[in-house]
């Protein structure tokens, strides 16, 4: 980390430091009311899908099943205790399972869904690198076709968090600052996460922390895009309305203007001006 910082301007280092020093407000302990039940499975059940279709959606093809068995074995060899897995979610290229054991914290296991598509190794590659900067869920283990990472128990995605009755205006301001700082760190690293214009389910609020998930589409890029893409998301009518309902009113035209300036000259100074605009922070206020 010190070697990395040596190549950065001081204002950029200061902005990165804020990411790790932005303490959550006392009210920030918002979570789901009960358990970690699969939203996907609950939704499919309510739709009364054919059992055969549900089985297809919740199970991998042969290579994914083999990868899941390898993941379970890797965990059990390391911790010397059984690991119980239950279906958690299904994506286009991967299936997620929650893993629980007697003495360890719950983990999330991701394996490839289809035999001909395997983006899992790519995602574990990015997680391993981003964890060095305390970004993303902590990678526990990885192998051919699978990875195991930290499970955000009772976590809420961005939409659930913003619509939660216990979320306050102060919580929202903290949330905005956290996700913007993380996007800025990605920009500084030259990594484009992709999908930041619609990250509703890729931002998880858990306890007094906030993390990005799903890094399978990450690429290195010369043009920083994470901050500006997130600003597009925050400026969308749906999000503006959700923020306003919590008493946090965005000046959309001003946000877009600040984002444009950041795109032209990305750096700590332009980012701080954008951050102040979105979080309603007085730029002359002491840090």
Protein backbone atom coordinates (compact mmCIF):
# COMPACT_ATOMS: atom_id res chain seq x y z
CA UNK A 1 0.00 0.00 0.00
CA UNK A 2 2.81 2.47 0.86
CA UNK A 3 4.54 1.68 -2.43
CA UNK A 4 1.28 2.32 -4.28
CA UNK A 5 0.70 5.62 -2.45
CA UNK A 6 4.19 6.85 -3.34
CA UNK A 7 3.06 7.24 -6.95
CA UNK A 8 -0.11 9.24 -6.09
CA UNK A 9 -0.60 12.99 -5.61
CA UNK A 10 -1.28 14.00 -2.00
CA UNK A 11 -4.87 15.09 -2.72
CA UNK A 12 -5.61 11.63 -4.11
CA UNK A 13 -4.07 9.99 -1.02
CA UNK A 14 -6.23 12.22 1.19
CA UNK A 15 -9.39 11.16 -0.65
CA UNK A 16 -8.46 7.48 -0.34
CA UNK A 17 -7.87 7.96 3.38
CA UNK A 18 -11.40 9.32 3.72
CA UNK A 19 -12.75 6.01 2.45
CA UNK A 20 -11.34 4.25 5.47
CA UNK A 21 -11.99 7.04 7.97
CA UNK A 22 -15.62 7.86 7.17
CA UNK A 23 -17.22 6.52 10.35
CA UNK A 24 -20.83 5.37 10.08
CA UNK A 25 -23.42 7.30 12.12
CA UNK A 26 -24.69 5.71 15.33
CA UNK A 27 -28.03 4.96 13.66
CA UNK A 28 -26.37 2.79 11.01
CA UNK A 29 -27.29 -0.73 12.05
CA UNK A 30 -30.00 -1.40 9.51
CA UNK A 31 -30.55 -4.96 8.31
CA UNK A 32 -33.14 -7.36 7.00
CA UNK A 33 -35.81 -8.29 9.50
CA UNK A 34 -35.10 -12.01 9.44
CA UNK A 35 -32.41 -14.37 8.25
CA UNK A 36 -30.66 -14.76 4.93
CA UNK A 37 -33.44 -16.51 3.02
CA UNK A 38 -33.02 -16.47 -0.75
CA UNK A 39 -35.03 -13.67 -2.35
CA UNK A 40 -34.83 -15.51 -5.66
CA UNK A 41 -36.32 -18.71 -4.27
CA UNK A 42 -39.06 -16.84 -2.41
CA UNK A 43 -39.99 -14.98 -5.58
CA UNK A 44 -40.09 -18.11 -7.72
CA UNK A 45 -42.22 -19.86 -5.11
CA UNK A 46 -44.68 -16.97 -5.05
CA UNK A 47 -44.91 -17.18 -8.84
CA UNK A 48 -45.78 -20.88 -8.49
CA UNK A 49 -43.16 -21.90 -11.02
CA UNK A 50 -43.07 -25.49 -12.14
CA UNK A 51 -40.83 -27.50 -9.76
CA UNK A 52 -38.72 -28.66 -12.71
CA UNK A 53 -38.04 -25.04 -13.66
CA UNK A 54 -37.11 -24.15 -10.08
CA UNK A 55 -34.71 -27.11 -10.03
CA UNK A 56 -33.14 -25.88 -13.28
CA UNK A 57 -32.68 -22.37 -11.84
CA UNK A 58 -31.17 -23.54 -8.56
CA UNK A 59 -28.73 -26.15 -9.87
CA UNK A 60 -25.60 -25.92 -11.98
CA UNK A 61 -24.50 -28.06 -14.88
CA UNK A 62 -21.87 -30.74 -14.28
CA UNK A 63 -18.79 -28.49 -14.12
CA UNK A 64 -20.49 -26.19 -11.64
CA UNK A 65 -21.50 -29.11 -9.44
CA UNK A 66 -17.94 -30.41 -9.49
CA UNK A 67 -16.69 -26.92 -8.57
CA UNK A 68 -19.15 -26.75 -5.67
CA UNK A 69 -17.85 -30.08 -4.36
CA UNK A 70 -14.27 -28.75 -4.60
CA UNK A 71 -15.28 -25.61 -2.71
CA UNK A 72 -16.90 -27.60 0.09
CA UNK A 73 -13.85 -29.84 0.34
CA UNK A 74 -11.48 -26.84 0.44
CA UNK A 75 -13.45 -25.31 3.31
CA UNK A 76 -13.74 -28.56 5.25
CA UNK A 77 -10.05 -29.40 4.81
CA UNK A 78 -9.12 -25.98 6.18
CA UNK A 79 -11.55 -25.78 9.11
CA UNK A 80 -11.97 -29.50 9.89
CA UNK A 81 -15.76 -29.30 10.16
CA UNK A 82 -18.75 -29.95 7.86
CA UNK A 83 -20.08 -27.16 5.65
CA UNK A 84 -23.79 -27.03 4.86
CA UNK A 85 -24.71 -25.28 1.61
CA UNK A 86 -28.08 -23.86 0.55
CA UNK A 87 -29.06 -22.08 -2.65
CA UNK A 88 -28.91 -18.30 -2.34
CA UNK A 89 -29.11 -16.65 -5.77
CA UNK A 90 -28.81 -17.29 -9.49
CA UNK A 91 -27.16 -15.05 -12.08
CA UNK A 92 -26.50 -15.33 -15.80
CA UNK A 93 -23.13 -17.04 -15.39
CA UNK A 94 -22.97 -18.16 -11.78
CA UNK A 95 -24.94 -19.62 -8.90
CA UNK A 96 -24.44 -18.52 -5.30
CA UNK A 97 -24.72 -20.75 -2.26
CA UNK A 98 -24.66 -19.78 1.39
CA UNK A 99 -22.31 -21.94 3.42
CA UNK A 100 -22.77 -22.41 7.16
CA UNK A 101 -20.74 -24.36 9.70
CA UNK A 102 -20.58 -24.82 13.45
CA UNK A 103 -17.83 -22.36 14.34
CA UNK A 104 -17.10 -20.17 11.29
CA UNK A 105 -18.95 -17.11 10.02
CA UNK A 106 -21.29 -17.77 7.08
CA UNK A 107 -19.61 -17.72 3.67
CA UNK A 108 -20.79 -17.25 0.12
CA UNK A 109 -19.77 -19.78 -2.53
CA UNK A 110 -19.97 -18.86 -6.20
CA UNK A 111 -19.65 -21.49 -8.93
CA UNK A 112 -20.11 -21.45 -12.67
CA UNK A 113 -23.66 -22.10 -13.84
CA UNK A 114 -23.10 -23.37 -17.38
CA UNK A 115 -20.40 -25.71 -18.62
CA UNK A 116 -19.38 -23.42 -21.50
CA UNK A 117 -19.16 -20.20 -19.43
CA UNK A 118 -16.73 -19.76 -16.55
CA UNK A 119 -16.22 -16.19 -15.31
CA UNK A 120 -15.61 -17.35 -11.73
CA UNK A 121 -11.83 -17.52 -11.99
CA UNK A 122 -11.82 -14.00 -13.41
CA UNK A 123 -13.87 -12.66 -10.51
CA UNK A 124 -11.66 -14.29 -7.88
CA UNK A 125 -8.66 -12.69 -9.64
CA UNK A 126 -10.18 -9.25 -9.14
CA UNK A 127 -11.32 -9.90 -5.58
CA UNK A 128 -7.83 -10.96 -4.58
CA UNK A 129 -6.43 -7.66 -5.86
CA UNK A 130 -9.19 -5.39 -4.60
CA UNK A 131 -9.10 -6.89 -1.11
CA UNK A 132 -5.64 -5.30 -0.76
CA UNK A 133 -7.45 -1.94 -0.70
CA UNK A 134 -10.28 -3.22 1.50
CA UNK A 135 -12.73 -3.29 -1.38
CA UNK A 136 -15.29 -6.03 -1.95
CA UNK A 137 -16.13 -9.05 0.21
CA UNK A 138 -13.11 -10.76 1.74
CA UNK A 139 -11.94 -13.68 -0.39
CA UNK A 140 -11.70 -16.81 1.77
CA UNK A 141 -10.60 -19.38 -0.81
CA UNK A 142 -10.60 -19.94 -4.56
CA UNK A 143 -10.01 -22.76 -6.99
CA UNK A 144 -10.96 -23.95 -10.49
CA UNK A 145 -14.53 -22.83 -11.13
CA UNK A 146 -15.28 -21.55 -7.62
CA UNK A 147 -14.49 -19.01 -4.98
CA UNK A 148 -15.55 -18.60 -1.35
CA UNK A 149 -15.93 -15.15 0.13
CA UNK A 150 -17.36 -13.25 3.08
CA UNK A 151 -21.15 -13.42 3.35
CA UNK A 152 -22.83 -10.15 4.30
CA UNK A 153 -25.31 -11.49 6.84
CA UNK A 154 -28.67 -9.71 6.67
CA UNK A 155 -27.22 -7.25 4.14
CA UNK A 156 -29.42 -4.88 2.16
CA UNK A 157 -28.89 -3.86 -1.44
CA UNK A 158 -29.01 -0.17 -2.37
CA UNK A 159 -32.73 -0.15 -3.18
CA UNK A 160 -33.66 -1.97 0.03
CA UNK A 161 -31.46 0.35 2.09
CA UNK A 162 -32.86 3.56 0.62
CA UNK A 163 -36.45 2.37 1.07
CA UNK A 164 -35.96 0.94 4.57
CA UNK A 165 -38.15 2.74 7.16
CA UNK A 166 -35.24 3.00 9.62
CA UNK A 167 -32.88 4.68 7.15
CA UNK A 168 -32.37 8.34 8.11
CA UNK A 169 -31.10 11.34 6.17
CA UNK A 170 -27.78 11.09 8.03
CA UNK A 171 -27.51 7.43 7.02
CA UNK A 172 -28.15 8.34 3.38
CA UNK A 173 -25.42 10.99 3.40
CA UNK A 174 -22.95 8.50 4.86
CA UNK A 175 -24.00 5.89 2.27
CA UNK A 176 -23.45 8.29 -0.63
CA UNK A 177 -20.00 9.28 0.60
CA UNK A 178 -18.97 5.65 1.07
CA UNK A 179 -19.96 4.46 -2.39
CA UNK A 180 -18.48 7.53 -4.08
CA UNK A 181 -15.17 7.08 -2.29
CA UNK A 182 -15.01 3.42 -3.29
CA UNK A 183 -15.68 4.36 -6.92
CA UNK A 184 -12.91 6.94 -6.70
CA UNK A 185 -10.44 4.36 -5.40
CA UNK A 186 -11.33 2.13 -8.37
CA UNK A 187 -10.76 5.09 -10.69
CA UNK A 188 -7.36 5.77 -9.13
CA UNK A 189 -6.44 2.11 -9.57
CA UNK A 190 -7.41 2.29 -13.25
CA UNK A 191 -10.08 -0.39 -12.84
CA UNK A 192 -13.52 -0.05 -14.42
CA UNK A 193 -16.05 -2.18 -12.59
CA UNK A 194 -18.75 -1.82 -15.26
CA UNK A 195 -22.46 -1.91 -14.44
CA UNK A 196 -22.11 1.18 -12.23
CA UNK A 197 -24.98 2.90 -14.07
CA UNK A 198 -27.32 0.27 -12.58
CA UNK A 199 -25.61 -1.07 -9.44
CA UNK A 200 -28.77 -1.47 -7.34
CA UNK A 201 -28.00 -5.05 -6.35
CA UNK A 202 -24.22 -4.73 -6.51
CA UNK A 203 -24.01 -2.43 -3.47
CA UNK A 204 -24.58 -4.13 -0.13
CA UNK A 205 -25.07 -2.30 3.17
CA UNK A 206 -24.22 -4.59 6.08
CA UNK A 207 -24.14 -3.41 9.67
CA UNK A 208 -22.10 -0.20 9.69
CA UNK A 209 -20.32 -0.94 6.41
CA UNK A 210 -21.04 -0.72 2.71
CA UNK A 211 -19.41 -2.87 0.01
CA UNK A 212 -19.54 -3.49 -3.71
CA UNK A 213 -20.02 -7.05 -4.95
CA UNK A 214 -19.91 -8.80 -8.34
CA UNK A 215 -16.59 -8.00 -10.00
CA UNK A 216 -16.71 -10.46 -12.89
CA UNK A 217 -16.85 -7.69 -15.54
CA UNK A 218 -13.93 -5.63 -14.20
CA UNK A 219 -11.36 -4.42 -16.73
CA UNK A 220 -8.36 -2.14 -16.63
CA UNK A 221 -9.00 1.15 -18.42
CA UNK A 222 -7.17 4.41 -19.03
CA UNK A 223 -10.36 6.48 -18.72
CA UNK A 224 -11.86 6.47 -15.19
CA UNK A 225 -15.58 5.68 -15.34
CA UNK A 226 -16.78 4.45 -11.96
CA UNK A 227 -17.49 7.83 -10.36
CA UNK A 228 -19.18 9.29 -13.43
CA UNK A 229 -21.27 6.16 -14.01
CA UNK A 230 -22.37 6.16 -10.38
CA UNK A 231 -23.41 9.80 -10.77
CA UNK A 232 -25.64 8.74 -13.68
CA UNK A 233 -27.27 6.21 -11.37
CA UNK A 234 -27.72 8.75 -8.56
CA UNK A 235 -29.23 11.25 -11.02
CA UNK A 236 -31.88 8.80 -12.26
CA UNK A 237 -35.49 9.74 -11.37
CA UNK A 238 -35.98 6.61 -9.26
CA UNK A 239 -32.95 7.25 -7.07
CA UNK A 240 -33.55 11.00 -6.84
CA UNK A 241 -37.08 10.27 -5.59
CA UNK A 242 -35.79 7.71 -3.07
CA UNK A 243 -33.21 10.18 -1.75
CA UNK A 244 -35.78 12.97 -1.55
CA UNK A 245 -38.10 10.72 0.45
CA UNK A 246 -35.34 10.55 3.07
CA UNK A 247 -34.84 14.33 3.04
CA UNK A 248 -31.70 14.30 0.88
CA UNK A 249 -32.37 16.48 -2.16
CA UNK A 250 -29.97 16.34 -5.10
CA UNK A 251 -29.42 19.22 -7.48
CA UNK A 252 -29.26 16.98 -10.53
CA UNK A 253 -28.03 19.62 -12.97
CA UNK A 254 -25.23 20.60 -10.59
CA UNK A 255 -24.26 16.96 -10.02
CA UNK A 256 -24.05 16.42 -13.77
CA UNK A 257 -21.93 19.54 -14.22
CA UNK A 258 -19.54 18.47 -11.45
CA UNK A 259 -19.35 14.96 -12.91
CA UNK A 260 -18.49 16.44 -16.30
CA UNK A 261 -15.62 18.43 -14.75
CA UNK A 262 -14.38 15.31 -12.97
CA UNK A 263 -14.42 13.38 -16.25
CA UNK A 264 -12.36 16.11 -17.92
CA UNK A 265 -9.79 16.33 -15.12
CA UNK A 266 -10.13 13.31 -12.81
CA UNK A 267 -8.30 13.77 -9.53
CA UNK A 268 -8.71 14.49 -5.86
CA UNK A 269 -9.74 18.14 -6.23
CA UNK A 270 -12.47 17.53 -8.81
CA UNK A 271 -13.68 14.50 -6.89
CA UNK A 272 -13.91 16.43 -3.62
CA UNK A 273 -16.01 19.13 -5.30
CA UNK A 274 -18.36 16.46 -6.65
CA UNK A 275 -18.50 14.72 -3.29
CA UNK A 276 -19.33 17.99 -1.51
CA UNK A 277 -22.12 18.66 -4.00
CA UNK A 278 -23.73 15.24 -3.58
CA UNK A 279 -23.28 14.92 0.18
CA UNK A 280 -24.29 18.55 0.88
CA UNK A 281 -21.00 19.14 2.62
CA UNK A 282 -19.76 22.72 2.93
CA UNK A 283 -16.46 22.79 0.99
CA UNK A 284 -15.09 25.27 3.55
CA UNK A 285 -16.00 22.98 6.45
CA UNK A 286 -13.04 21.39 8.20
CA UNK A 287 -12.39 17.78 7.29
